[in-house]
Amino acid sequence: STAGLIASLLADVPGSGSCLDIGFIVYSPT
């Protein structure tokens, strides 16, 4: 339901590339 906002909020911070690995948006059951 956050649809990438968690990763996006981190990516807004300078230096986040050193600690953010991957992000998935998985909205559907499939």
Full PDB file with SEQRES, HELIX, SHEET, SSBOND, CRYST1, ORIGX, SCALE, CONECT and MASTER records, all heavy atoms in Angstrom:
SEQRES   1 A   30  SER THR ALA GLY LEU ILE ALA SER LEU LEU ALA ASP VAL          
SEQRES   2 A   30  PRO GLY SER GLY SER CYS LEU ASP ILE GLY PHE ILE VAL          
SEQRES   3 A   30  TYR SER PRO THR                                              
HELIX    1 AA1 LEU A    5  ALA A   11  1                                   7    
HELIX    2 AA2 SER A   16  SER A   18  5                                   3    
CRYST1    1.000    1.000    1.000  90.00  90.00  90.00 P 1           1          
ORIGX1      1.000000  0.000000  0.000000        0.00000                         
ORIGX2      0.000000  1.000000  0.000000        0.00000                         
ORIGX3      0.000000  0.000000  1.000000        0.00000                         
SCALE1      1.000000  0.000000  0.000000        0.00000                         
SCALE2      0.000000  1.000000  0.000000        0.00000                         
SCALE3      0.000000  0.000000  1.000000        0.00000                         
ATOM      1  N   SER A   1       0.803  -1.227   0.000  1.00  0.00           N  
ATOM      2  CA  SER A   1       0.000   0.000   0.000  1.00  0.00           C  
ATOM      3  C   SER A   1       0.835   1.276   0.000  1.00  0.00           C  
ATOM      4  O   SER A   1       0.366   2.313  -0.447  1.00  0.00           O  
ATOM      5  CB  SER A   1      -1.003   0.008   1.158  1.00  0.00           C  
ATOM      6  OG  SER A   1      -0.357  -0.010   2.390  1.00  0.00           O  
ATOM      7  N   THR A   2       2.075   1.232   0.441  1.00  0.00           N  
ATOM      8  CA  THR A   2       2.930   2.425   0.366  1.00  0.00           C  
ATOM      9  C   THR A   2       3.522   2.606  -1.030  1.00  0.00           C  
ATOM     10  O   THR A   2       4.039   3.671  -1.344  1.00  0.00           O  
ATOM     11  CB  THR A   2       4.052   2.378   1.419  1.00  0.00           C  
ATOM     12  OG1 THR A   2       4.763   1.142   1.303  1.00  0.00           O  
ATOM     13  CG2 THR A   2       3.503   2.544   2.825  1.00  0.00           C  
ATOM     14  N   ALA A   3       3.459   1.592  -1.849  1.00  0.00           N  
ATOM     15  CA  ALA A   3       3.810   1.659  -3.275  1.00  0.00           C  
ATOM     16  C   ALA A   3       5.138   2.357  -3.569  1.00  0.00           C  
ATOM     17  O   ALA A   3       5.248   3.163  -4.476  1.00  0.00           O  
ATOM     18  CB  ALA A   3       2.685   2.316  -4.066  1.00  0.00           C  
ATOM     19  N   GLY A   4       6.155   2.044  -2.796  1.00  0.00           N  
ATOM     20  CA  GLY A   4       7.481   2.589  -3.046  1.00  0.00           C  
ATOM     21  C   GLY A   4       7.840   3.822  -2.234  1.00  0.00           C  
ATOM     22  O   GLY A   4       8.961   4.314  -2.334  1.00  0.00           O  
ATOM     23  N   LEU A   5       6.926   4.316  -1.430  1.00  0.00           N  
ATOM     24  CA  LEU A   5       7.210   5.525  -0.648  1.00  0.00           C  
ATOM     25  C   LEU A   5       8.303   5.319   0.396  1.00  0.00           C  
ATOM     26  O   LEU A   5       9.067   6.246   0.685  1.00  0.00           O  
ATOM     27  CB  LEU A   5       5.940   6.042   0.041  1.00  0.00           C  
ATOM     28  CG  LEU A   5       4.952   6.777  -0.847  1.00  0.00           C  
ATOM     29  CD1 LEU A   5       3.669   7.084  -0.087  1.00  0.00           C  
ATOM     30  CD2 LEU A   5       5.573   8.054  -1.391  1.00  0.00           C  
ATOM     31  N   ILE A   6       8.385   4.121   0.967  1.00  0.00           N  
ATOM     32  CA  ILE A   6       9.435   3.866   1.962  1.00  0.00           C  
ATOM     33  C   ILE A   6      10.798   4.058   1.313  1.00  0.00           C  
ATOM     34  O   ILE A   6      11.637   4.815   1.801  1.00  0.00           O  
ATOM     35  CB  ILE A   6       9.302   2.454   2.571  1.00  0.00           C  
ATOM     36  CG1 ILE A   6       7.973   2.311   3.327  1.00  0.00           C  
ATOM     37  CG2 ILE A   6      10.472   2.148   3.501  1.00  0.00           C  
ATOM     38  CD1 ILE A   6       7.643   0.882   3.753  1.00  0.00           C  
ATOM     39  N   ALA A   7      11.022   3.391   0.184  1.00  0.00           N  
ATOM     40  CA  ALA A   7      12.298   3.516  -0.531  1.00  0.00           C  
ATOM     41  C   ALA A   7      12.496   4.944  -1.030  1.00  0.00           C  
ATOM     42  O   ALA A   7      13.605   5.486  -0.967  1.00  0.00           O  
ATOM     43  CB  ALA A   7      12.356   2.524  -1.682  1.00  0.00           C  
ATOM     44  N   SER A   8      11.438   5.571  -1.507  1.00  0.00           N  
ATOM     45  CA  SER A   8      11.538   6.931  -2.029  1.00  0.00           C  
ATOM     46  C   SER A   8      11.944   7.934  -0.947  1.00  0.00           C  
ATOM     47  O   SER A   8      12.776   8.807  -1.193  1.00  0.00           O  
ATOM     48  CB  SER A   8      10.207   7.349  -2.657  1.00  0.00           C  
ATOM     49  OG  SER A   8      10.289   8.654  -3.167  1.00  0.00           O  
ATOM     50  N   LEU A   9      11.365   7.807   0.229  1.00  0.00           N  
ATOM     51  CA  LEU A   9      11.731   8.713   1.324  1.00  0.00           C  
ATOM     52  C   LEU A   9      13.201   8.555   1.694  1.00  0.00           C  
ATOM     53  O   LEU A   9      13.883   9.544   1.985  1.00  0.00           O  
ATOM     54  CB  LEU A   9      10.847   8.469   2.548  1.00  0.00           C  
ATOM     55  CG  LEU A   9       9.398   8.930   2.417  1.00  0.00           C  
ATOM     56  CD1 LEU A   9       8.559   8.404   3.585  1.00  0.00           C  
ATOM     57  CD2 LEU A   9       9.314  10.448   2.337  1.00  0.00           C  
ATOM     58  N   LEU A  10      13.698   7.327   1.678  1.00  0.00           N  
ATOM     59  CA  LEU A  10      15.127   7.120   1.947  1.00  0.00           C  
ATOM     60  C   LEU A  10      15.984   7.685   0.825  1.00  0.00           C  
ATOM     61  O   LEU A  10      17.011   8.302   1.069  1.00  0.00           O  
ATOM     62  CB  LEU A  10      15.442   5.637   2.110  1.00  0.00           C  
ATOM     63  CG  LEU A  10      15.180   5.032   3.466  1.00  0.00           C  
ATOM     64  CD1 LEU A  10      15.627   3.581   3.487  1.00  0.00           C  
ATOM     65  CD2 LEU A  10      15.850   5.804   4.574  1.00  0.00           C  
ATOM     66  N   ALA A  11      15.553   7.467  -0.425  1.00  0.00           N  
ATOM     67  CA  ALA A  11      16.328   7.929  -1.571  1.00  0.00           C  
ATOM     68  C   ALA A  11      16.439   9.449  -1.623  1.00  0.00           C  
ATOM     69  O   ALA A  11      17.362   9.976  -2.248  1.00  0.00           O  
ATOM     70  CB  ALA A  11      15.719   7.398  -2.859  1.00  0.00           C  
ATOM     71  N   ASP A  12      15.537  10.157  -0.957  1.00  0.00           N  
ATOM     72  CA  ASP A  12      15.608  11.619  -0.884  1.00  0.00           C  
ATOM     73  C   ASP A  12      16.793  12.108  -0.055  1.00  0.00           C  
ATOM     74  O   ASP A  12      17.196  13.262  -0.159  1.00  0.00           O  
ATOM     75  CB  ASP A  12      14.324  12.197  -0.280  1.00  0.00           C  
ATOM     76  CG  ASP A  12      13.143  12.161  -1.235  1.00  0.00           C  
ATOM     77  OD1 ASP A  12      13.349  11.987  -2.454  1.00  0.00           O  
ATOM     78  OD2 ASP A  12      12.001  12.309  -0.748  1.00  0.00           O  
ATOM     79  N   VAL A  13      17.355  11.232   0.770  1.00  0.00           N  
ATOM     80  CA  VAL A  13      18.425  11.617   1.695  1.00  0.00           C  
ATOM     81  C   VAL A  13      19.784  11.419   1.027  1.00  0.00           C  
ATOM     82  O   VAL A  13      20.079  10.319   0.555  1.00  0.00           O  
ATOM     83  CB  VAL A  13      18.351  10.776   2.995  1.00  0.00           C  
ATOM     84  CG1 VAL A  13      19.489  11.138   3.944  1.00  0.00           C  
ATOM     85  CG2 VAL A  13      17.000  10.956   3.671  1.00  0.00           C  
ATOM     86  N   PRO A  14      20.613  12.469   0.998  1.00  0.00           N  
ATOM     87  CA  PRO A  14      21.965  12.298   0.455  1.00  0.00           C  
ATOM     88  C   PRO A  14      22.710  11.194   1.211  1.00  0.00           C  
ATOM     89  O   PRO A  14      22.627  11.097   2.432  1.00  0.00           O  
ATOM     90  CB  PRO A  14      22.629  13.663   0.708  1.00  0.00           C  
ATOM     91  CG  PRO A  14      21.486  14.624   0.796  1.00  0.00           C  
ATOM     92  CD  PRO A  14      20.362  13.849   1.434  1.00  0.00           C  
ATOM     93  N   GLY A  15      23.398  10.334   0.470  1.00  0.00           N  
ATOM     94  CA  GLY A  15      24.144   9.238   1.073  1.00  0.00           C  
ATOM     95  C   GLY A  15      23.342   7.959   1.227  1.00  0.00           C  
ATOM     96  O   GLY A  15      23.883   6.942   1.674  1.00  0.00           O  
ATOM     97  N   SER A  16      22.078   7.980   0.835  1.00  0.00           N  
ATOM     98  CA  SER A  16      21.238   6.795   1.004  1.00  0.00           C  
ATOM     99  C   SER A  16      21.674   5.635   0.125  1.00  0.00           C  
ATOM    100  O   SER A  16      21.369   4.475   0.424  1.00  0.00           O  
ATOM    101  CB  SER A  16      19.772   7.124   0.733  1.00  0.00           C  
ATOM    102  OG  SER A  16      19.611   7.581  -0.601  1.00  0.00           O  
ATOM    103  N   GLY A  17      22.414   5.923  -0.940  1.00  0.00           N  
ATOM    104  CA  GLY A  17      22.874   4.863  -1.827  1.00  0.00           C  
ATOM    105  C   GLY A  17      23.767   3.846  -1.144  1.00  0.00           C  
ATOM    106  O   GLY A  17      23.867   2.707  -1.588  1.00  0.00           O  
ATOM    107  N   SER A  18      24.376   4.237  -0.038  1.00  0.00           N  
ATOM    108  CA  SER A  18      25.241   3.306   0.682  1.00  0.00           C  
ATOM    109  C   SER A  18      24.463   2.303   1.521  1.00  0.00           C  
ATOM    110  O   SER A  18      25.023   1.310   1.978  1.00  0.00           O  
ATOM    111  CB  SER A  18      26.215   4.076   1.582  1.00  0.00           C  
ATOM    112  OG  SER A  18      25.500   4.699   2.643  1.00  0.00           O  
ATOM    113  N   CYS A  19      23.176   2.549   1.711  1.00  0.00           N  
ATOM    114  CA  CYS A  19      22.416   1.658   2.598  1.00  0.00           C  
ATOM    115  C   CYS A  19      21.092   1.164   2.020  1.00  0.00           C  
ATOM    116  O   CYS A  19      20.432   0.338   2.650  1.00  0.00           O  
ATOM    117  CB  CYS A  19      22.185   2.336   3.945  1.00  0.00           C  
ATOM    118  SG  CYS A  19      21.258   3.860   3.863  1.00  0.00           S  
ATOM    119  N   LEU A  20      20.702   1.614   0.853  1.00  0.00           N  
ATOM    120  CA  LEU A  20      19.461   1.155   0.233  1.00  0.00           C  
ATOM    121  C   LEU A  20      19.815   0.185  -0.888  1.00  0.00           C  
ATOM    122  O   LEU A  20      20.474   0.552  -1.858  1.00  0.00           O  
ATOM    123  CB  LEU A  20      18.668   2.343  -0.307  1.00  0.00           C  
ATOM    124  CG  LEU A  20      17.303   2.040  -0.932  1.00  0.00           C  
ATOM    125  CD1 LEU A  20      16.390   1.317   0.054  1.00  0.00           C  
ATOM    126  CD2 LEU A  20      16.649   3.338  -1.394  1.00  0.00           C  
ATOM    127  N   ASP A  21      19.398  -1.076  -0.729  1.00  0.00           N  
ATOM    128  CA  ASP A  21      19.771  -2.117  -1.686  1.00  0.00           C  
ATOM    129  C   ASP A  21      18.733  -2.254  -2.787  1.00  0.00           C  
ATOM    130  O   ASP A  21      18.985  -1.884  -3.930  1.00  0.00           O  
ATOM    131  CB  ASP A  21      19.969  -3.450  -0.954  1.00  0.00           C  
ATOM    132  CG  ASP A  21      20.406  -4.568  -1.879  1.00  0.00           C  
ATOM    133  OD1 ASP A  21      21.234  -4.317  -2.778  1.00  0.00           O  
ATOM    134  OD2 ASP A  21      19.924  -5.700  -1.708  1.00  0.00           O  
ATOM    135  N   ILE A  22      17.570  -2.798  -2.476  1.00  0.00           N  
ATOM    136  CA  ILE A  22      16.525  -3.028  -3.468  1.00  0.00           C  
ATOM    137  C   ILE A  22      15.165  -2.680  -2.884  1.00  0.00           C  
ATOM    138  O   ILE A  22      14.994  -2.639  -1.662  1.00  0.00           O  
ATOM    139  CB  ILE A  22      16.497  -4.485  -3.983  1.00  0.00           C  
ATOM    140  CG1 ILE A  22      16.275  -5.461  -2.821  1.00  0.00           C  
ATOM    141  CG2 ILE A  22      17.744  -4.831  -4.764  1.00  0.00           C  
ATOM    142  CD1 ILE A  22      16.061  -6.890  -3.240  1.00  0.00           C  
ATOM    143  N   GLY A  23      14.208  -2.434  -3.778  1.00  0.00           N  
ATOM    144  CA  GLY A  23      12.844  -2.186  -3.341  1.00  0.00           C  
ATOM    145  C   GLY A  23      11.863  -2.834  -4.294  1.00  0.00           C  
ATOM    146  O   GLY A  23      12.058  -2.806  -5.511  1.00  0.00           O  
ATOM    147  N   PHE A  24      10.845  -3.439  -3.730  1.00  0.00           N  
ATOM    148  CA  PHE A  24       9.796  -4.072  -4.512  1.00  0.00           C  
ATOM    149  C   PHE A  24       8.473  -3.405  -4.220  1.00  0.00           C  
ATOM    150  O   PHE A  24       8.160  -3.110  -3.063  1.00  0.00           O  
ATOM    151  CB  PHE A  24       9.647  -5.559  -4.153  1.00  0.00           C  
ATOM    152  CG  PHE A  24      10.747  -6.410  -4.679  1.00  0.00           C  
ATOM    153  CD1 PHE A  24      11.858  -6.668  -3.906  1.00  0.00           C  
ATOM    154  CD2 PHE A  24      10.682  -6.943  -5.956  1.00  0.00           C  
ATOM    155  CE1 PHE A  24      12.885  -7.443  -4.386  1.00  0.00           C  
ATOM    156  CE2 PHE A  24      11.708  -7.725  -6.447  1.00  0.00           C  
ATOM    157  CZ  PHE A  24      12.813  -7.979  -5.656  1.00  0.00           C  
ATOM    158  N   ILE A  25       7.697  -3.179  -5.272  1.00  0.00           N  
ATOM    159  CA  ILE A  25       6.301  -2.780  -5.117  1.00  0.00           C  
ATOM    160  C   ILE A  25       5.496  -3.982  -5.574  1.00  0.00           C  
ATOM    161  O   ILE A  25       5.551  -4.364  -6.748  1.00  0.00           O  
ATOM    162  CB  ILE A  25       5.958  -1.536  -5.962  1.00  0.00           C  
ATOM    163  CG1 ILE A  25       6.811  -0.361  -5.524  1.00  0.00           C  
ATOM    164  CG2 ILE A  25       4.468  -1.217  -5.843  1.00  0.00           C  
ATOM    165  CD1 ILE A  25       6.721   0.841  -6.441  1.00  0.00           C  
ATOM    166  N   VAL A  26       4.809  -4.595  -4.642  1.00  0.00           N  
ATOM    167  CA  VAL A  26       4.033  -5.794  -4.936  1.00  0.00           C  
ATOM    168  C   VAL A  26       2.604  -5.560  -4.473  1.00  0.00           C  
ATOM    169  O   VAL A  26       2.209  -5.923  -3.388  1.00  0.00           O  
ATOM    170  CB  VAL A  26       4.648  -7.056  -4.289  1.00  0.00           C  
ATOM    171  CG1 VAL A  26       5.879  -7.500  -5.043  1.00  0.00           C  
ATOM    172  CG2 VAL A  26       4.995  -6.817  -2.837  1.00  0.00           C  
ATOM    173  N   TYR A  27       1.858  -4.919  -5.330  1.00  0.00           N  
ATOM    174  CA  TYR A  27       0.476  -4.535  -5.033  1.00  0.00           C  
ATOM    175  C   TYR A  27      -0.478  -5.717  -5.131  1.00  0.00           C  
ATOM    176  O   TYR A  27      -1.345  -5.896  -4.298  1.00  0.00           O  
ATOM    177  CB  TYR A  27       0.062  -3.443  -6.025  1.00  0.00           C  
ATOM    178  CG  TYR A  27      -0.570  -2.242  -5.397  1.00  0.00           C  
ATOM    179  CD1 TYR A  27       0.142  -1.425  -4.520  1.00  0.00           C  
ATOM    180  CD2 TYR A  27      -1.877  -1.884  -5.698  1.00  0.00           C  
ATOM    181  CE1 TYR A  27      -0.436  -0.313  -3.962  1.00  0.00           C  
ATOM    182  CE2 TYR A  27      -2.466  -0.766  -5.138  1.00  0.00           C  
ATOM    183  CZ  TYR A  27      -1.737   0.018  -4.272  1.00  0.00           C  
ATOM    184  OH  TYR A  27      -2.313   1.122  -3.716  1.00  0.00           O  
ATOM    185  N   SER A  28      -0.321  -6.530  -6.137  1.00  0.00           N  
ATOM    186  CA  SER A  28      -1.276  -7.608  -6.400  1.00  0.00           C  
ATOM    187  C   SER A  28      -0.899  -8.891  -5.667  1.00  0.00           C  
ATOM    188  O   SER A  28       0.275  -9.125  -5.371  1.00  0.00           O  
ATOM    189  CB  SER A  28      -1.345  -7.897  -7.900  1.00  0.00           C  
ATOM    190  OG  SER A  28      -0.155  -8.546  -8.309  1.00  0.00           O  
ATOM    191  N   PRO A  29      -1.892  -9.742  -5.413  1.00  0.00           N  
ATOM    192  CA  PRO A  29      -1.587 -11.055  -4.836  1.00  0.00           C  
ATOM    193  C   PRO A  29      -0.629 -11.858  -5.727  1.00  0.00           C  
ATOM    194  O   PRO A  29       0.260 -12.544  -5.222  1.00  0.00           O  
ATOM    195  CB  PRO A  29      -2.958 -11.743  -4.753  1.00  0.00           C  
ATOM    196  CG  PRO A  29      -3.939 -10.620  -4.655  1.00  0.00           C  
ATOM    197  CD  PRO A  29      -3.360  -9.522  -5.503  1.00  0.00           C  
ATOM    198  N   THR A  30      -0.794 -11.757  -7.041  1.00  0.00           N  
ATOM    199  CA  THR A  30       0.082 -12.463  -7.966  1.00  0.00           C  
ATOM    200  C   THR A  30       1.531 -12.002  -7.809  1.00  0.00           C  
ATOM    201  O   THR A  30       2.447 -12.816  -7.759  1.00  0.00           O  
ATOM    202  CB  THR A  30      -0.382 -12.259  -9.421  1.00  0.00           C  
ATOM    203  OG1 THR A  30      -1.733 -12.689  -9.519  1.00  0.00           O  
ATOM    204  CG2 THR A  30       0.479 -13.028 -10.403  1.00  0.00           C  
TER     205      THR A  30                                                      
MASTER        0    0    0    2    0    0    0    6  204    1    0    3          
END                                                                             
